[in-house]
């Protein structure tokens, strides 16, 4: 992780990478897999922001796959 980068930023970068992979996936199952992975990384980022106190309110709800 780069200096000064929040953990949630790194997790969101992973989600972006998965989204990019989904866009170029050659089959529908691969596309869906990358989309689910992106959702999971974004859920982790949301929770990390909450744990770090960067998010207001209650813990984030888990998004359905």
PDB file of N, CA and C in Angstrom:
ATOM      1  N   UNK A   1       0.856  -1.173   0.000  1.00  0.00           N
ATOM      2  CA  UNK A   1       0.000   0.000   0.000  1.00  0.00           C
ATOM      3  C   UNK A   1       0.898   1.230   0.000  1.00  0.00           C
ATOM      4  N   UNK A   2       0.503   2.257  -0.747  1.00  0.00           N
ATOM      5  CA  UNK A   2       1.271   3.480  -0.836  1.00  0.00           C
ATOM      6  C   UNK A   2       1.163   4.264   0.465  1.00  0.00           C
ATOM      7  N   UNK A   3       2.231   5.022   0.776  1.00  0.00           N
ATOM      8  CA  UNK A   3       2.223   5.847   1.978  1.00  0.00           C
ATOM      9  C   UNK A   3       1.081   6.855   1.906  1.00  0.00           C
ATOM     10  N   UNK A   4       0.372   7.032   2.991  1.00  0.00           N
ATOM     11  CA  UNK A   4      -0.727   7.982   3.047  1.00  0.00           C
ATOM     12  C   UNK A   4      -2.036   7.450   2.488  1.00  0.00           C
ATOM     13  N   UNK A   5      -2.018   6.272   1.923  1.00  0.00           N
ATOM     14  CA  UNK A   5      -3.232   5.693   1.345  1.00  0.00           C
ATOM     15  C   UNK A   5      -4.016   4.976   2.449  1.00  0.00           C
ATOM     16  N   UNK A   6      -5.304   5.286   2.523  1.00  0.00           N
ATOM     17  CA  UNK A   6      -6.148   4.616   3.506  1.00  0.00           C
ATOM     18  C   UNK A   6      -6.400   3.175   3.052  1.00  0.00           C
ATOM     19  N   UNK A   7      -6.624   2.316   4.018  1.00  0.00           N
ATOM     20  CA  UNK A   7      -6.921   0.913   3.696  1.00  0.00           C
ATOM     21  C   UNK A   7      -8.132   0.798   2.776  1.00  0.00           C
ATOM     22  N   UNK A   8      -9.152   1.603   3.055  1.00  0.00           N
ATOM     23  CA  UNK A   8     -10.361   1.524   2.235  1.00  0.00           C
ATOM     24  C   UNK A   8     -10.073   1.920   0.788  1.00  0.00           C
ATOM     25  N   UNK A   9      -9.132   2.835   0.571  1.00  0.00           N
ATOM     26  CA  UNK A   9      -8.768   3.219  -0.801  1.00  0.00           C
ATOM     27  C   UNK A   9      -8.163   2.037  -1.552  1.00  0.00           C
ATOM     28  N   UNK A  10      -7.316   1.287  -0.882  1.00  0.00           N
ATOM     29  CA  UNK A  10      -6.717   0.102  -1.504  1.00  0.00           C
ATOM     30  C   UNK A  10      -7.768  -0.952  -1.835  1.00  0.00           C
ATOM     31  N   UNK A  11      -8.736  -1.109  -0.934  1.00  0.00           N
ATOM     32  CA  UNK A  11      -9.808  -2.073  -1.175  1.00  0.00           C
ATOM     33  C   UNK A  11     -10.669  -1.636  -2.357  1.00  0.00           C
ATOM     34  N   UNK A  12     -10.929  -0.336  -2.452  1.00  0.00           N
ATOM     35  CA  UNK A  12     -11.713   0.169  -3.591  1.00  0.00           C
ATOM     36  C   UNK A  12     -10.946   0.026  -4.906  1.00  0.00           C
ATOM     37  N   UNK A  13      -9.633   0.154  -4.848  1.00  0.00           N
ATOM     38  CA  UNK A  13      -8.822  -0.054  -6.049  1.00  0.00           C
ATOM     39  C   UNK A  13      -8.964  -1.501  -6.524  1.00  0.00           C
ATOM     40  N   UNK A  14      -8.977  -2.434  -5.597  1.00  0.00           N
ATOM     41  CA  UNK A  14      -9.196  -3.839  -5.964  1.00  0.00           C
ATOM     42  C   UNK A  14     -10.559  -4.012  -6.628  1.00  0.00           C
ATOM     43  N   UNK A  15     -11.576  -3.322  -6.100  1.00  0.00           N
ATOM     44  CA  UNK A  15     -12.916  -3.389  -6.694  1.00  0.00           C
ATOM     45  C   UNK A  15     -12.895  -2.831  -8.114  1.00  0.00           C
ATOM     46  N   UNK A  16     -12.188  -1.724  -8.323  1.00  0.00           N
ATOM     47  CA  UNK A  16     -12.079  -1.147  -9.662  1.00  0.00           C
ATOM     48  C   UNK A  16     -11.422  -2.129 -10.631  1.00  0.00           C
ATOM     49  N   UNK A  17     -10.381  -2.798 -10.164  1.00  0.00           N
ATOM     50  CA  UNK A  17      -9.706  -3.779 -11.016  1.00  0.00           C
ATOM     51  C   UNK A  17     -10.655  -4.903 -11.417  1.00  0.00           C
ATOM     52  N   UNK A  18     -11.456  -5.360 -10.475  1.00  0.00           N
ATOM     53  CA  UNK A  18     -12.414  -6.429 -10.781  1.00  0.00           C
ATOM     54  C   UNK A  18     -13.472  -5.949 -11.764  1.00  0.00           C
ATOM     55  N   UNK A  19     -13.911  -4.708 -11.610  1.00  0.00           N
ATOM     56  CA  UNK A  19     -14.894  -4.145 -12.530  1.00  0.00           C
ATOM     57  C   UNK A  19     -14.319  -4.072 -13.943  1.00  0.00           C
ATOM     58  N   UNK A  20     -13.065  -3.659 -14.053  1.00  0.00           N
ATOM     59  CA  UNK A  20     -12.412  -3.618 -15.361  1.00  0.00           C
ATOM     60  C   UNK A  20     -12.302  -5.016 -15.965  1.00  0.00           C
ATOM     61  N   UNK A  21     -11.976  -5.990 -15.136  1.00  0.00           N
ATOM     62  CA  UNK A  21     -11.878  -7.367 -15.626  1.00  0.00           C
ATOM     63  C   UNK A  21     -13.240  -7.879 -16.081  1.00  0.00           C
ATOM     64  N   UNK A  22     -14.295  -7.492 -15.376  1.00  0.00           N
ATOM     65  CA  UNK A  22     -15.654  -7.906 -15.761  1.00  0.00           C
ATOM     66  C   UNK A  22     -16.012  -7.348 -17.132  1.00  0.00           C
ATOM     67  N   UNK A  23     -15.573  -6.143 -17.412  1.00  0.00           N
ATOM     68  CA  UNK A  23     -15.898  -5.506 -18.687  1.00  0.00           C
ATOM     69  C   UNK A  23     -15.230  -6.193 -19.873  1.00  0.00           C
ATOM     70  N   UNK A  24     -14.107  -6.840 -19.638  1.00  0.00           N
ATOM     71  CA  UNK A  24     -13.404  -7.500 -20.750  1.00  0.00           C
ATOM     72  C   UNK A  24     -13.501  -9.030 -20.687  1.00  0.00           C
ATOM     73  N   UNK A  25     -14.272  -9.520 -19.731  1.00  0.00           N
ATOM     74  CA  UNK A  25     -14.423 -10.980 -19.582  1.00  0.00           C
ATOM     75  C   UNK A  25     -14.993 -11.586 -20.858  1.00  0.00           C
ATOM     76  N   UNK A  26     -14.500 -12.746 -21.192  1.00  0.00           N
ATOM     77  CA  UNK A  26     -14.891 -13.404 -22.439  1.00  0.00           C
ATOM     78  C   UNK A  26     -16.166 -14.229 -22.329  1.00  0.00           C
ATOM     79  N   UNK A  27     -16.544 -14.583 -21.113  1.00  0.00           N
ATOM     80  CA  UNK A  27     -17.764 -15.372 -20.930  1.00  0.00           C
ATOM     81  C   UNK A  27     -18.621 -14.748 -19.836  1.00  0.00           C
ATOM     82  N   UNK A  28     -19.905 -15.046 -19.869  1.00  0.00           N
ATOM     83  CA  UNK A  28     -20.821 -14.513 -18.868  1.00  0.00           C
ATOM     84  C   UNK A  28     -20.480 -14.993 -17.450  1.00  0.00           C
ATOM     85  N   UNK A  29     -20.134 -16.285 -17.258  1.00  0.00           N
ATOM     86  CA  UNK A  29     -19.762 -16.707 -15.898  1.00  0.00           C
ATOM     87  C   UNK A  29     -18.548 -15.948 -15.354  1.00  0.00           C
ATOM     88  N   UNK A  30     -17.565 -15.676 -16.208  1.00  0.00           N
ATOM     89  CA  UNK A  30     -16.398 -14.920 -15.757  1.00  0.00           C
ATOM     90  C   UNK A  30     -16.790 -13.486 -15.422  1.00  0.00           C
ATOM     91  N   UNK A  31     -17.648 -12.892 -16.238  1.00  0.00           N
ATOM     92  CA  UNK A  31     -18.113 -11.532 -15.981  1.00  0.00           C
ATOM     93  C   UNK A  31     -18.821 -11.467 -14.631  1.00  0.00           C
ATOM     94  N   UNK A  32     -19.731 -12.386 -14.383  1.00  0.00           N
ATOM     95  CA  UNK A  32     -20.483 -12.410 -13.121  1.00  0.00           C
ATOM     96  C   UNK A  32     -19.545 -12.603 -11.930  1.00  0.00           C
ATOM     97  N   UNK A  33     -18.543 -13.466 -12.095  1.00  0.00           N
ATOM     98  CA  UNK A  33     -17.592 -13.727 -11.013  1.00  0.00           C
ATOM     99  C   UNK A  33     -16.850 -12.439 -10.647  1.00  0.00           C
ATOM    100  N   UNK A  34     -16.358 -11.714 -11.652  1.00  0.00           N
ATOM    101  CA  UNK A  34     -15.647 -10.463 -11.382  1.00  0.00           C
ATOM    102  C   UNK A  34     -16.572  -9.409 -10.782  1.00  0.00           C
ATOM    103  N   UNK A  35     -17.819  -9.372 -11.218  1.00  0.00           N
ATOM    104  CA  UNK A  35     -18.777  -8.431 -10.641  1.00  0.00           C
ATOM    105  C   UNK A  35     -19.024  -8.740  -9.163  1.00  0.00           C
ATOM    106  N   UNK A  36     -19.147 -10.023  -8.830  1.00  0.00           N
ATOM    107  CA  UNK A  36     -19.332 -10.408  -7.424  1.00  0.00           C
ATOM    108  C   UNK A  36     -18.097 -10.065  -6.601  1.00  0.00           C
ATOM    109  N   UNK A  37     -16.921 -10.256  -7.185  1.00  0.00           N
ATOM    110  CA  UNK A  37     -15.683  -9.911  -6.491  1.00  0.00           C
ATOM    111  C   UNK A  37     -15.610  -8.405  -6.245  1.00  0.00           C
ATOM    112  N   UNK A  38     -16.015  -7.601  -7.228  1.00  0.00           N
ATOM    113  CA  UNK A  38     -16.019  -6.148  -7.059  1.00  0.00           C
ATOM    114  C   UNK A  38     -16.965  -5.747  -5.927  1.00  0.00           C
ATOM    115  N   UNK A  39     -18.139  -6.355  -5.883  1.00  0.00           N
ATOM    116  CA  UNK A  39     -19.095  -6.076  -4.802  1.00  0.00           C
ATOM    117  C   UNK A  39     -18.492  -6.425  -3.441  1.00  0.00           C
ATOM    118  N   UNK A  40     -17.804  -7.546  -3.372  1.00  0.00           N
ATOM    119  CA  UNK A  40     -17.195  -7.970  -2.108  1.00  0.00           C
ATOM    120  C   UNK A  40     -16.113  -6.974  -1.672  1.00  0.00           C
ATOM    121  N   UNK A  41     -15.262  -6.535  -2.599  1.00  0.00           N
ATOM    122  CA  UNK A  41     -14.225  -5.550  -2.261  1.00  0.00           C
ATOM    123  C   UNK A  41     -14.851  -4.242  -1.799  1.00  0.00           C
ATOM    124  N   UNK A  42     -15.926  -3.801  -2.459  1.00  0.00           N
ATOM    125  CA  UNK A  42     -16.595  -2.565  -2.049  1.00  0.00           C
ATOM    126  C   UNK A  42     -17.227  -2.703  -0.662  1.00  0.00           C
ATOM    127  N   UNK A  43     -17.791  -3.873  -0.368  1.00  0.00           N
ATOM    128  CA  UNK A  43     -18.336  -4.126   0.975  1.00  0.00           C
ATOM    129  C   UNK A  43     -17.225  -4.041   2.018  1.00  0.00           C
ATOM    130  N   UNK A  44     -16.080  -4.631   1.713  1.00  0.00           N
ATOM    131  CA  UNK A  44     -14.945  -4.568   2.638  1.00  0.00           C
ATOM    132  C   UNK A  44     -14.503  -3.123   2.848  1.00  0.00           C
ATOM    133  N   UNK A  45     -14.447  -2.345   1.766  1.00  0.00           N
ATOM    134  CA  UNK A  45     -14.047  -0.938   1.868  1.00  0.00           C
ATOM    135  C   UNK A  45     -15.030  -0.147   2.730  1.00  0.00           C
ATOM    136  N   UNK A  46     -16.317  -0.372   2.530  1.00  0.00           N
ATOM    137  CA  UNK A  46     -17.334   0.308   3.338  1.00  0.00           C
ATOM    138  C   UNK A  46     -17.144  -0.002   4.818  1.00  0.00           C
ATOM    139  N   UNK A  47     -16.930  -1.267   5.119  1.00  0.00           N
ATOM    140  CA  UNK A  47     -16.745  -1.677   6.510  1.00  0.00           C
ATOM    141  C   UNK A  47     -15.445  -1.126   7.078  1.00  0.00           C
ATOM    142  N   UNK A  48     -14.387  -1.081   6.284  1.00  0.00           N
ATOM    143  CA  UNK A  48     -13.119  -0.542   6.758  1.00  0.00           C
ATOM    144  C   UNK A  48     -13.253   0.945   7.071  1.00  0.00           C
ATOM    145  N   UNK A  49     -13.968   1.674   6.217  1.00  0.00           N
ATOM    146  CA  UNK A  49     -14.204   3.099   6.494  1.00  0.00           C
ATOM    147  C   UNK A  49     -14.941   3.269   7.813  1.00  0.00           C
ATOM    148  N   UNK A  50     -15.935   2.432   8.052  1.00  0.00           N
ATOM    149  CA  UNK A  50     -16.689   2.521   9.298  1.00  0.00           C
ATOM    150  C   UNK A  50     -15.779   2.209  10.488  1.00  0.00           C
ATOM    151  N   UNK A  51     -14.971   1.155  10.366  1.00  0.00           N
ATOM    152  CA  UNK A  51     -14.059   0.786  11.454  1.00  0.00           C
ATOM    153  C   UNK A  51     -13.045   1.888  11.737  1.00  0.00           C
ATOM    154  N   UNK A  52     -12.603   2.580  10.692  1.00  0.00           N
ATOM    155  CA  UNK A  52     -11.624   3.649  10.848  1.00  0.00           C
ATOM    156  C   UNK A  52     -12.258   4.958  11.312  1.00  0.00           C
ATOM    157  N   UNK A  53     -13.592   4.997  11.410  1.00  0.00           N
ATOM    158  CA  UNK A  53     -14.288   6.193  11.843  1.00  0.00           C
ATOM    159  C   UNK A  53     -14.463   7.218  10.738  1.00  0.00           C
ATOM    160  N   UNK A  54     -14.269   6.804   9.487  1.00  0.00           N
ATOM    161  CA  UNK A  54     -14.404   7.715   8.348  1.00  0.00           C
ATOM    162  C   UNK A  54     -15.828   7.780   7.824  1.00  0.00           C
ATOM    163  N   UNK A  55     -16.703   6.982   8.384  1.00  0.00           N
ATOM    164  CA  UNK A  55     -18.080   6.922   7.906  1.00  0.00           C
ATOM    165  C   UNK A  55     -19.007   7.306   9.044  1.00  0.00           C
ATOM    166  N   UNK A  56     -20.029   8.077   8.747  1.00  0.00           N
ATOM    167  CA  UNK A  56     -20.999   8.491   9.753  1.00  0.00           C
ATOM    168  C   UNK A  56     -22.118   7.457   9.858  1.00  0.00           C
ATOM    169  N   UNK A  57     -22.660   7.315  11.036  1.00  0.00           N
ATOM    170  CA  UNK A  57     -23.810   6.451  11.213  1.00  0.00           C
ATOM    171  C   UNK A  57     -23.456   5.004  11.512  1.00  0.00           C
ATOM    172  N   UNK A  58     -24.466   4.148  11.401  1.00  0.00           N
ATOM    173  CA  UNK A  58     -24.276   2.734  11.754  1.00  0.00           C
ATOM    174  C   UNK A  58     -23.408   2.018  10.725  1.00  0.00           C
ATOM    175  N   UNK A  59     -22.967   0.805  11.055  1.00  0.00           N
ATOM    176  CA  UNK A  59     -22.164   0.038  10.091  1.00  0.00           C
ATOM    177  C   UNK A  59     -22.940  -0.147   8.801  1.00  0.00           C
ATOM    178  N   UNK A  60     -22.237  -0.211   7.680  1.00  0.00           N
ATOM    179  CA  UNK A  60     -22.917  -0.364   6.395  1.00  0.00           C
ATOM    180  C   UNK A  60     -23.635  -1.696   6.290  1.00  0.00           C
ATOM    181  N   UNK A  61     -24.733  -1.666   5.547  1.00  0.00           N
ATOM    182  CA  UNK A  61     -25.470  -2.894   5.255  1.00  0.00           C
ATOM    183  C   UNK A  61     -24.705  -3.677   4.189  1.00  0.00           C
ATOM    184  N   UNK A  62     -24.757  -4.972   4.272  1.00  0.00           N
ATOM    185  CA  UNK A  62     -24.126  -5.797   3.238  1.00  0.00           C
ATOM    186  C   UNK A  62     -24.988  -5.767   1.989  1.00  0.00           C
ATOM    187  N   UNK A  63     -24.336  -5.480   0.872  1.00  0.00           N
ATOM    188  CA  UNK A  63     -25.057  -5.483  -0.408  1.00  0.00           C
ATOM    189  C   UNK A  63     -25.230  -6.912  -0.882  1.00  0.00           C
ATOM    190  N   UNK A  64     -26.386  -7.174  -1.448  1.00  0.00           N
ATOM    191  CA  UNK A  64     -26.657  -8.514  -1.962  1.00  0.00           C
ATOM    192  C   UNK A  64     -25.799  -8.767  -3.201  1.00  0.00           C
ATOM    193  N   UNK A  65     -25.361 -10.010  -3.385  1.00  0.00           N
ATOM    194  CA  UNK A  65     -24.542 -10.324  -4.568  1.00  0.00           C
ATOM    195  C   UNK A  65     -25.330 -10.195  -5.852  1.00  0.00           C
TER     196      UNK A  65
END
